[in-house]
């Protein structure tokens, strides 16, 4: 008796392909699928783009000057700090432009 005919994929007994052959063909199908996914593009929402612009602008700002902060705190406490309202309004408009 020839037992090779009883074991699928062994000898000339027809039957199904070996499980390793099946895995190899599935692997190549997955490789083709992952290649087509590599061509995909990522779209970032408008809100995310705005946040990235703000983060980039903040990163460019200088470090906090502790001496200047203390000087301004003292001037505010003594009612000596003068506010340049036109400059302040200009900065607010500029900031609003960055957000939109």
PDB file of N, CA and C in Angstrom:
ATOM      1  N   UNK A   1       0.830  -1.172   0.000  1.00  0.00           N
ATOM      2  CA  UNK A   1       0.000   0.000   0.000  1.00  0.00           C
ATOM      3  C   UNK A   1       0.877   1.238   0.000  1.00  0.00           C
ATOM      4  N   UNK A   2       0.569   2.213  -0.840  1.00  0.00           N
ATOM      5  CA  UNK A   2       1.327   3.464  -0.940  1.00  0.00           C
ATOM      6  C   UNK A   2       0.651   4.514  -0.066  1.00  0.00           C
ATOM      7  N   UNK A   3       1.297   4.876   1.048  1.00  0.00           N
ATOM      8  CA  UNK A   3       0.682   5.831   1.974  1.00  0.00           C
ATOM      9  C   UNK A   3       0.792   7.273   1.491  1.00  0.00           C
ATOM     10  N   UNK A   4       1.664   7.544   0.510  1.00  0.00           N
ATOM     11  CA  UNK A   4       1.788   8.896  -0.018  1.00  0.00           C
ATOM     12  C   UNK A   4       0.484   9.402  -0.621  1.00  0.00           C
ATOM     13  N   UNK A   5      -0.342   8.501  -1.122  1.00  0.00           N
ATOM     14  CA  UNK A   5      -1.617   8.908  -1.701  1.00  0.00           C
ATOM     15  C   UNK A   5      -2.616   9.306  -0.616  1.00  0.00           C
ATOM     16  N   UNK A   6      -2.376   8.899   0.609  1.00  0.00           N
ATOM     17  CA  UNK A   6      -3.285   9.195   1.707  1.00  0.00           C
ATOM     18  C   UNK A   6      -2.992  10.547   2.360  1.00  0.00           C
ATOM     19  N   UNK A   7      -1.787  11.030   2.196  1.00  0.00           N
ATOM     20  CA  UNK A   7      -1.380  12.296   2.814  1.00  0.00           C
ATOM     21  C   UNK A   7      -1.514  13.403   1.774  1.00  0.00           C
ATOM     22  N   UNK A   8      -2.371  14.384   2.002  1.00  0.00           N
ATOM     23  CA  UNK A   8      -2.551  15.451   1.024  1.00  0.00           C
ATOM     24  C   UNK A   8      -1.249  16.183   0.739  1.00  0.00           C
ATOM     25  N   UNK A   9      -0.988  16.460  -0.517  1.00  0.00           N
ATOM     26  CA  UNK A   9       0.179  17.221  -0.922  1.00  0.00           C
ATOM     27  C   UNK A   9       1.444  16.423  -1.033  1.00  0.00           C
ATOM     28  N   UNK A  10       1.400  15.145  -0.741  1.00  0.00           N
ATOM     29  CA  UNK A  10       2.597  14.313  -0.811  1.00  0.00           C
ATOM     30  C   UNK A  10       2.400  13.289  -1.912  1.00  0.00           C
ATOM     31  N   UNK A  11       3.409  13.106  -2.725  1.00  0.00           N
ATOM     32  CA  UNK A  11       3.336  12.118  -3.805  1.00  0.00           C
ATOM     33  C   UNK A  11       2.414  12.591  -4.923  1.00  0.00           C
ATOM     34  N   UNK A  12       2.034  11.684  -5.788  1.00  0.00           N
ATOM     35  CA  UNK A  12       1.217  12.053  -6.930  1.00  0.00           C
ATOM     36  C   UNK A  12      -0.244  11.821  -6.688  1.00  0.00           C
ATOM     37  N   UNK A  13      -0.683  11.736  -5.466  1.00  0.00           N
ATOM     38  CA  UNK A  13      -2.043  11.388  -5.152  1.00  0.00           C
ATOM     39  C   UNK A  13      -3.026  12.528  -5.205  1.00  0.00           C
ATOM     40  N   UNK A  14      -2.746  13.558  -5.924  1.00  0.00           N
ATOM     41  CA  UNK A  14      -3.692  14.677  -6.022  1.00  0.00           C
ATOM     42  C   UNK A  14      -3.860  15.324  -4.669  1.00  0.00           C
ATOM     43  N   UNK A  15      -5.061  15.514  -4.258  1.00  0.00           N
ATOM     44  CA  UNK A  15      -5.321  16.103  -2.946  1.00  0.00           C
ATOM     45  C   UNK A  15      -5.065  17.601  -2.945  1.00  0.00           C
ATOM     46  N   UNK A  16      -5.068  18.147  -1.775  1.00  0.00           N
ATOM     47  CA  UNK A  16      -4.914  19.601  -1.609  1.00  0.00           C
ATOM     48  C   UNK A  16      -3.441  19.965  -1.469  1.00  0.00           C
ATOM     49  N   UNK A  17      -3.105  21.200  -1.771  1.00  0.00           N
ATOM     50  CA  UNK A  17      -1.711  21.620  -1.588  1.00  0.00           C
ATOM     51  C   UNK A  17      -1.361  21.670  -0.114  1.00  0.00           C
ATOM     52  N   UNK A  18      -0.089  21.592   0.160  1.00  0.00           N
ATOM     53  CA  UNK A  18       0.381  21.662   1.538  1.00  0.00           C
ATOM     54  C   UNK A  18      -0.010  22.997   2.149  1.00  0.00           C
ATOM     55  N   UNK A  19      -0.102  23.005   3.463  1.00  0.00           N
ATOM     56  CA  UNK A  19      -0.460  24.247   4.149  1.00  0.00           C
ATOM     57  C   UNK A  19       0.627  25.304   3.960  1.00  0.00           C
ATOM     58  N   UNK A  20       1.888  24.906   3.808  1.00  0.00           N
ATOM     59  CA  UNK A  20       2.963  25.878   3.594  1.00  0.00           C
ATOM     60  C   UNK A  20       2.804  26.566   2.248  1.00  0.00           C
ATOM     61  N   UNK A  21       2.301  25.830   1.233  1.00  0.00           N
ATOM     62  CA  UNK A  21       2.053  26.455  -0.068  1.00  0.00           C
ATOM     63  C   UNK A  21       0.944  27.494   0.048  1.00  0.00           C
ATOM     64  N   UNK A  22      -0.068  27.169   0.831  1.00  0.00           N
ATOM     65  CA  UNK A  22      -1.176  28.089   1.027  1.00  0.00           C
ATOM     66  C   UNK A  22      -0.705  29.346   1.745  1.00  0.00           C
ATOM     67  N   UNK A  23       0.113  29.197   2.771  1.00  0.00           N
ATOM     68  CA  UNK A  23       0.649  30.328   3.523  1.00  0.00           C
ATOM     69  C   UNK A  23       1.491  31.212   2.617  1.00  0.00           C
ATOM     70  N   UNK A  24       2.304  30.601   1.751  1.00  0.00           N
ATOM     71  CA  UNK A  24       3.150  31.376   0.852  1.00  0.00           C
ATOM     72  C   UNK A  24       2.306  32.211  -0.099  1.00  0.00           C
ATOM     73  N   UNK A  25       1.222  31.639  -0.618  1.00  0.00           N
ATOM     74  CA  UNK A  25       0.390  32.401  -1.542  1.00  0.00           C
ATOM     75  C   UNK A  25      -0.365  33.498  -0.811  1.00  0.00           C
ATOM     76  N   UNK A  26      -0.780  33.253   0.437  1.00  0.00           N
ATOM     77  CA  UNK A  26      -1.443  34.293   1.218  1.00  0.00           C
ATOM     78  C   UNK A  26      -0.475  35.415   1.565  1.00  0.00           C
ATOM     79  N   UNK A  27       0.768  35.065   1.851  1.00  0.00           N
ATOM     80  CA  UNK A  27       1.781  36.073   2.166  1.00  0.00           C
ATOM     81  C   UNK A  27       2.040  37.003   0.999  1.00  0.00           C
ATOM     82  N   UNK A  28       2.088  36.444  -0.205  1.00  0.00           N
ATOM     83  CA  UNK A  28       2.328  37.304  -1.371  1.00  0.00           C
ATOM     84  C   UNK A  28       1.131  38.207  -1.625  1.00  0.00           C
ATOM     85  N   UNK A  29      -0.090  37.735  -1.333  1.00  0.00           N
ATOM     86  CA  UNK A  29      -1.279  38.574  -1.484  1.00  0.00           C
ATOM     87  C   UNK A  29      -1.245  39.722  -0.476  1.00  0.00           C
ATOM     88  N   UNK A  30      -0.817  39.429   0.742  1.00  0.00           N
ATOM     89  CA  UNK A  30      -0.708  40.473   1.757  1.00  0.00           C
ATOM     90  C   UNK A  30       0.367  41.486   1.385  1.00  0.00           C
ATOM     91  N   UNK A  31       1.468  41.035   0.827  1.00  0.00           N
ATOM     92  CA  UNK A  31       2.537  41.939   0.407  1.00  0.00           C
ATOM     93  C   UNK A  31       2.043  42.878  -0.680  1.00  0.00           C
ATOM     94  N   UNK A  32       1.250  42.358  -1.611  1.00  0.00           N
ATOM     95  CA  UNK A  32       0.702  43.213  -2.655  1.00  0.00           C
ATOM     96  C   UNK A  32      -0.260  44.232  -2.063  1.00  0.00           C
ATOM     97  N   UNK A  33      -1.063  43.821  -1.084  1.00  0.00           N
ATOM     98  CA  UNK A  33      -2.007  44.735  -0.449  1.00  0.00           C
ATOM     99  C   UNK A  33      -1.270  45.831   0.298  1.00  0.00           C
ATOM    100  N   UNK A  34      -0.191  45.486   1.012  1.00  0.00           N
ATOM    101  CA  UNK A  34       0.544  46.502   1.756  1.00  0.00           C
ATOM    102  C   UNK A  34       1.259  47.458   0.819  1.00  0.00           C
ATOM    103  N   UNK A  35       1.666  46.999  -0.343  1.00  0.00           N
ATOM    104  CA  UNK A  35       2.294  47.886  -1.322  1.00  0.00           C
ATOM    105  C   UNK A  35       1.286  48.910  -1.814  1.00  0.00           C
ATOM    106  N   UNK A  36       0.051  48.493  -2.063  1.00  0.00           N
ATOM    107  CA  UNK A  36      -0.947  49.446  -2.526  1.00  0.00           C
ATOM    108  C   UNK A  36      -1.305  50.428  -1.430  1.00  0.00           C
ATOM    109  N   UNK A  37      -1.204  50.049  -0.147  1.00  0.00           N
ATOM    110  CA  UNK A  37      -1.474  50.955   0.954  1.00  0.00           C
ATOM    111  C   UNK A  37      -0.369  51.997   1.099  1.00  0.00           C
ATOM    112  N   UNK A  38       0.835  51.695   0.653  1.00  0.00           N
ATOM    113  CA  UNK A  38       1.942  52.633   0.756  1.00  0.00           C
ATOM    114  C   UNK A  38       1.711  53.859  -0.118  1.00  0.00           C
ATOM    115  N   UNK A  39       0.876  53.743  -1.137  1.00  0.00           N
ATOM    116  CA  UNK A  39       0.580  54.868  -2.010  1.00  0.00           C
ATOM    117  C   UNK A  39      -0.506  55.762  -1.439  1.00  0.00           C
ATOM    118  N   UNK A  40      -1.091  55.417  -0.315  1.00  0.00           N
ATOM    119  CA  UNK A  40      -2.157  56.200   0.297  1.00  0.00           C
ATOM    120  C   UNK A  40      -1.613  57.519   0.819  1.00  0.00           C
ATOM    121  N   UNK A  41      -2.502  58.516   0.869  1.00  0.00           N
ATOM    122  CA  UNK A  41      -2.127  59.832   1.390  1.00  0.00           C
ATOM    123  C   UNK A  41      -2.879  60.081   2.687  1.00  0.00           C
ATOM    124  N   UNK A  42      -2.259  60.857   3.568  1.00  0.00           N
ATOM    125  CA  UNK A  42      -2.883  61.226   4.823  1.00  0.00           C
ATOM    126  C   UNK A  42      -3.340  62.672   4.692  1.00  0.00           C
ATOM    127  N   UNK A  43      -4.610  62.913   5.008  1.00  0.00           N
ATOM    128  CA  UNK A  43      -5.141  64.263   4.972  1.00  0.00           C
ATOM    129  C   UNK A  43      -5.320  64.758   6.397  1.00  0.00           C
ATOM    130  N   UNK A  44      -4.814  65.948   6.678  1.00  0.00           N
ATOM    131  CA  UNK A  44      -4.904  66.539   7.998  1.00  0.00           C
ATOM    132  C   UNK A  44      -6.017  67.576   7.966  1.00  0.00           C
ATOM    133  N   UNK A  45      -6.861  67.580   8.995  1.00  0.00           N
ATOM    134  CA  UNK A  45      -7.977  68.511   9.039  1.00  0.00           C
ATOM    135  C   UNK A  45      -7.464  69.950   9.114  1.00  0.00           C
ATOM    136  N   UNK A  46      -8.338  70.870   8.753  1.00  0.00           N
ATOM    137  CA  UNK A  46      -7.987  72.297   8.782  1.00  0.00           C
ATOM    138  C   UNK A  46      -7.638  72.715  10.206  1.00  0.00           C
ATOM    139  N   UNK A  47      -8.365  72.192  11.185  1.00  0.00           N
ATOM    140  CA  UNK A  47      -8.097  72.526  12.580  1.00  0.00           C
ATOM    141  C   UNK A  47      -6.708  72.033  12.999  1.00  0.00           C
ATOM    142  N   UNK A  48      -6.324  70.844  12.580  1.00  0.00           N
ATOM    143  CA  UNK A  48      -4.996  70.315  12.901  1.00  0.00           C
ATOM    144  C   UNK A  48      -3.905  71.151  12.260  1.00  0.00           C
ATOM    145  N   UNK A  49      -4.149  71.602  11.035  1.00  0.00           N
ATOM    146  CA  UNK A  49      -3.168  72.451  10.360  1.00  0.00           C
ATOM    147  C   UNK A  49      -3.014  73.769  11.101  1.00  0.00           C
ATOM    148  N   UNK A  50      -4.118  74.340  11.597  1.00  0.00           N
ATOM    149  CA  UNK A  50      -4.052  75.587  12.364  1.00  0.00           C
ATOM    150  C   UNK A  50      -3.251  75.382  13.645  1.00  0.00           C
ATOM    151  N   UNK A  51      -3.484  74.268  14.306  1.00  0.00           N
ATOM    152  CA  UNK A  51      -2.756  73.975  15.547  1.00  0.00           C
ATOM    153  C   UNK A  51      -1.266  73.831  15.266  1.00  0.00           C
ATOM    154  N   UNK A  52      -0.924  73.179  14.159  1.00  0.00           N
ATOM    155  CA  UNK A  52       0.489  73.030  13.807  1.00  0.00           C
ATOM    156  C   UNK A  52       1.136  74.384  13.535  1.00  0.00           C
ATOM    157  N   UNK A  53       0.404  75.294  12.882  1.00  0.00           N
ATOM    158  CA  UNK A  53       0.943  76.637  12.619  1.00  0.00           C
ATOM    159  C   UNK A  53       1.179  77.383  13.920  1.00  0.00           C
ATOM    160  N   UNK A  54       0.230  77.274  14.852  1.00  0.00           N
ATOM    161  CA  UNK A  54       0.369  77.952  16.140  1.00  0.00           C
ATOM    162  C   UNK A  54       1.540  77.372  16.920  1.00  0.00           C
ATOM    163  N   UNK A  55       1.664  76.057  16.927  1.00  0.00           N
ATOM    164  CA  UNK A  55       2.787  75.425  17.628  1.00  0.00           C
ATOM    165  C   UNK A  55       4.118  75.869  17.040  1.00  0.00           C
ATOM    166  N   UNK A  56       4.180  76.009  15.719  1.00  0.00           N
ATOM    167  CA  UNK A  56       5.418  76.461  15.082  1.00  0.00           C
ATOM    168  C   UNK A  56       5.720  77.900  15.474  1.00  0.00           C
ATOM    169  N   UNK A  57       4.675  78.745  15.531  1.00  0.00           N
ATOM    170  CA  UNK A  57       4.873  80.147  15.915  1.00  0.00           C
ATOM    171  C   UNK A  57       5.326  80.252  17.365  1.00  0.00           C
ATOM    172  N   UNK A  58       4.743  79.443  18.256  1.00  0.00           N
ATOM    173  CA  UNK A  58       5.128  79.457  19.668  1.00  0.00           C
ATOM    174  C   UNK A  58       6.566  78.974  19.832  1.00  0.00           C
ATOM    175  N   UNK A  59       6.958  78.002  19.042  1.00  0.00           N
ATOM    176  CA  UNK A  59       8.325  77.477  19.130  1.00  0.00           C
ATOM    177  C   UNK A  59       9.358  78.545  18.760  1.00  0.00           C
ATOM    178  N   UNK A  60       8.954  79.492  17.926  1.00  0.00           N
ATOM    179  CA  UNK A  60       9.873  80.555  17.502  1.00  0.00           C
ATOM    180  C   UNK A  60       9.974  81.685  18.522  1.00  0.00           C
ATOM    181  N   UNK A  61       9.055  81.747  19.487  1.00  0.00           N
ATOM    182  CA  UNK A  61       9.057  82.814  20.481  1.00  0.00           C
ATOM    183  C   UNK A  61      10.266  82.679  21.399  1.00  0.00           C
ATOM    184  N   UNK A  62      10.767  83.806  21.867  1.00  0.00           N
ATOM    185  CA  UNK A  62      11.905  83.739  22.787  1.00  0.00           C
ATOM    186  C   UNK A  62      11.475  83.193  24.143  1.00  0.00           C
ATOM    187  N   UNK A  63      12.442  82.761  24.914  1.00  0.00           N
ATOM    188  CA  UNK A  63      12.180  82.272  26.261  1.00  0.00           C
ATOM    189  C   UNK A  63      11.645  83.421  27.119  1.00  0.00           C
ATOM    190  N   UNK A  64      10.970  83.088  28.220  1.00  0.00           N
ATOM    191  CA  UNK A  64      10.402  84.102  29.115  1.00  0.00           C
ATOM    192  C   UNK A  64      11.534  84.808  29.849  1.00  0.00           C
ATOM    193  N   UNK A  65      11.469  86.135  29.833  1.00  0.00           N
ATOM    194  CA  UNK A  65      12.460  86.961  30.521  1.00  0.00           C
ATOM    195  C   UNK A  65      11.919  87.262  31.918  1.00  0.00           C
ATOM    196  N   UNK A  66      12.408  86.536  32.913  1.00  0.00           N
ATOM    197  CA  UNK A  66      11.904  86.679  34.278  1.00  0.00           C
ATOM    198  C   UNK A  66      12.091  88.097  34.815  1.00  0.00           C
ATOM    199  N   UNK A  67      13.164  88.745  34.448  1.00  0.00           N
ATOM    200  CA  UNK A  67      13.403  90.113  34.915  1.00  0.00           C
ATOM    201  C   UNK A  67      12.340  91.059  34.361  1.00  0.00           C
ATOM    202  N   UNK A  68      11.986  90.892  33.093  1.00  0.00           N
ATOM    203  CA  UNK A  68      10.956  91.743  32.498  1.00  0.00           C
ATOM    204  C   UNK A  68       9.601  91.492  33.156  1.00  0.00           C
ATOM    205  N   UNK A  69       9.312  90.249  33.468  1.00  0.00           N
ATOM    206  CA  UNK A  69       8.049  89.912  34.131  1.00  0.00           C
ATOM    207  C   UNK A  69       7.979  90.596  35.489  1.00  0.00           C
ATOM    208  N   UNK A  70       9.041  90.533  36.252  1.00  0.00           N
ATOM    209  CA  UNK A  70       9.067  91.177  37.573  1.00  0.00           C
ATOM    210  C   UNK A  70       8.952  92.689  37.451  1.00  0.00           C
ATOM    211  N   UNK A  71       9.594  93.261  36.464  1.00  0.00           N
ATOM    212  CA  UNK A  71       9.522  94.718  36.231  1.00  0.00           C
ATOM    213  C   UNK A  71       8.074  95.125  35.922  1.00  0.00           C
ATOM    214  N   UNK A  72       7.403  94.358  35.079  1.00  0.00           N
ATOM    215  CA  UNK A  72       6.020  94.675  34.717  1.00  0.00           C
ATOM    216  C   UNK A  72       5.088  94.462  35.909  1.00  0.00           C
ATOM    217  N   UNK A  73       5.308  93.407  36.689  1.00  0.00           N
ATOM    218  CA  UNK A  73       4.502  93.175  37.888  1.00  0.00           C
ATOM    219  C   UNK A  73       4.612  94.358  38.853  1.00  0.00           C
ATOM    220  N   UNK A  74       5.832  94.830  39.035  1.00  0.00           N
ATOM    221  CA  UNK A  74       6.053  95.977  39.926  1.00  0.00           C
ATOM    222  C   UNK A  74       5.366  97.228  39.397  1.00  0.00           C
ATOM    223  N   UNK A  75       5.451  97.462  38.082  1.00  0.00           N
ATOM    224  CA  UNK A  75       4.803  98.634  37.485  1.00  0.00           C
ATOM    225  C   UNK A  75       3.285  98.541  37.619  1.00  0.00           C
ATOM    226  N   UNK A  76       2.726  97.346  37.436  1.00  0.00           N
ATOM    227  CA  UNK A  76       1.281  97.165  37.603  1.00  0.00           C
ATOM    228  C   UNK A  76       0.863  97.415  39.055  1.00  0.00           C
ATOM    229  N   UNK A  77       1.635  96.907  40.005  1.00  0.00           N
ATOM    230  CA  UNK A  77       1.315  97.080  41.420  1.00  0.00           C
ATOM    231  C   UNK A  77       1.348  98.550  41.830  1.00  0.00           C
ATOM    232  N   UNK A  78       2.202  99.334  41.185  1.00  0.00           N
ATOM    233  CA  UNK A  78       2.347 100.762  41.526  1.00  0.00           C
ATOM    234  C   UNK A  78       1.532 101.665  40.597  1.00  0.00           C
ATOM    235  N   UNK A  79       0.675 101.083  39.763  1.00  0.00           N
ATOM    236  CA  UNK A  79      -0.117 101.835  38.774  1.00  0.00           C
ATOM    237  C   UNK A  79       0.761 102.682  37.852  1.00  0.00           C
ATOM    238  N   UNK A  80       1.920 102.185  37.497  1.00  0.00           N
ATOM    239  CA  UNK A  80       2.845 102.897  36.620  1.00  0.00           C
ATOM    240  C   UNK A  80       2.916 102.292  35.223  1.00  0.00           C
ATOM    241  N   UNK A  81       2.257 101.174  35.006  1.00  0.00           N
ATOM    242  CA  UNK A  81       2.341 100.483  33.711  1.00  0.00           C
ATOM    243  C   UNK A  81       1.386 101.129  32.728  1.00  0.00           C
ATOM    244  N   UNK A  82       1.904 101.592  31.626  1.00  0.00           N
ATOM    245  CA  UNK A  82       1.098 102.224  30.586  1.00  0.00           C
ATOM    246  C   UNK A  82       0.845 101.213  29.473  1.00  0.00           C
ATOM    247  N   UNK A  83      -0.411 101.102  29.069  1.00  0.00           N
ATOM    248  CA  UNK A  83      -0.787 100.164  28.014  1.00  0.00           C
ATOM    249  C   UNK A  83      -0.887 100.919  26.694  1.00  0.00           C
ATOM    250  N   UNK A  84      -0.217 100.411  25.670  1.00  0.00           N
ATOM    251  CA  UNK A  84      -0.310 100.964  24.308  1.00  0.00           C
ATOM    252  C   UNK A  84      -1.471 100.234  23.627  1.00  0.00           C
ATOM    253  N   UNK A  85      -2.650 100.861  23.667  1.00  0.00           N
ATOM    254  CA  UNK A  85      -3.862 100.199  23.185  1.00  0.00           C
ATOM    255  C   UNK A  85      -3.822  99.914  21.684  1.00  0.00           C
ATOM    256  N   UNK A  86      -3.222 100.780  20.910  1.00  0.00           N
ATOM    257  CA  UNK A  86      -3.128 100.540  19.466  1.00  0.00           C
ATOM    258  C   UNK A  86      -2.230  99.332  19.179  1.00  0.00           C
ATOM    259  N   UNK A  87      -1.133  99.238  19.882  1.00  0.00           N
ATOM    260  CA  UNK A  87      -0.231  98.098  19.703  1.00  0.00           C
ATOM    261  C   UNK A  87      -0.918  96.803  20.141  1.00  0.00           C
ATOM    262  N   UNK A  88      -1.637  96.874  21.274  1.00  0.00           N
ATOM    263  CA  UNK A  88      -2.354  95.713  21.774  1.00  0.00           C
ATOM    264  C   UNK A  88      -3.409  95.249  20.762  1.00  0.00           C
ATOM    265  N   UNK A  89      -4.166  96.188  20.204  1.00  0.00           N
ATOM    266  CA  UNK A  89      -5.192  95.842  19.218  1.00  0.00           C
ATOM    267  C   UNK A  89      -4.556  95.216  17.983  1.00  0.00           C
ATOM    268  N   UNK A  90      -3.429  95.752  17.547  1.00  0.00           N
ATOM    269  CA  UNK A  90      -2.721  95.197  16.389  1.00  0.00           C
ATOM    270  C   UNK A  90      -2.284  93.762  16.641  1.00  0.00           C
ATOM    271  N   UNK A  91      -1.768  93.498  17.838  1.00  0.00           N
ATOM    272  CA  UNK A  91      -1.343  92.131  18.190  1.00  0.00           C
ATOM    273  C   UNK A  91      -2.542  91.178  18.218  1.00  0.00           C
ATOM    274  N   UNK A  92      -3.684  91.663  18.725  1.00  0.00           N
ATOM    275  CA  UNK A  92      -4.890  90.825  18.781  1.00  0.00           C
ATOM    276  C   UNK A  92      -5.375  90.487  17.374  1.00  0.00           C
ATOM    277  N   UNK A  93      -5.334  91.462  16.473  1.00  0.00           N
ATOM    278  CA  UNK A  93      -5.751  91.219  15.085  1.00  0.00           C
ATOM    279  C   UNK A  93      -4.801  90.244  14.415  1.00  0.00           C
ATOM    280  N   UNK A  94      -3.508  90.400  14.653  1.00  0.00           N
ATOM    281  CA  UNK A  94      -2.516  89.492  14.081  1.00  0.00           C
ATOM    282  C   UNK A  94      -2.745  88.067  14.587  1.00  0.00           C
ATOM    283  N   UNK A  95      -3.004  87.913  15.881  1.00  0.00           N
ATOM    284  CA  UNK A  95      -3.241  86.602  16.461  1.00  0.00           C
ATOM    285  C   UNK A  95      -4.497  85.980  15.883  1.00  0.00           C
ATOM    286  N   UNK A  96      -5.544  86.781  15.707  1.00  0.00           N
ATOM    287  CA  UNK A  96      -6.771  86.275  15.125  1.00  0.00           C
ATOM    288  C   UNK A  96      -6.539  85.806  13.693  1.00  0.00           C
ATOM    289  N   UNK A  97      -5.673  86.500  12.959  1.00  0.00           N
ATOM    290  CA  UNK A  97      -5.328  86.088  11.585  1.00  0.00           C
ATOM    291  C   UNK A  97      -4.616  84.754  11.554  1.00  0.00           C
ATOM    292  N   UNK A  98      -3.804  84.489  12.545  1.00  0.00           N
ATOM    293  CA  UNK A  98      -3.088  83.210  12.636  1.00  0.00           C
ATOM    294  C   UNK A  98      -4.081  82.066  12.874  1.00  0.00           C
ATOM    295  N   UNK A  99      -5.086  82.320  13.715  1.00  0.00           N
ATOM    296  CA  UNK A  99      -6.056  81.276  14.039  1.00  0.00           C
ATOM    297  C   UNK A  99      -6.986  80.967  12.871  1.00  0.00           C
ATOM    298  N   UNK A 100      -7.241  81.933  12.041  1.00  0.00           N
ATOM    299  CA  UNK A 100      -8.168  81.703  10.918  1.00  0.00           C
ATOM    300  C   UNK A 100      -7.402  81.614   9.672  1.00  0.00           C
TER     301      UNK A 100
END
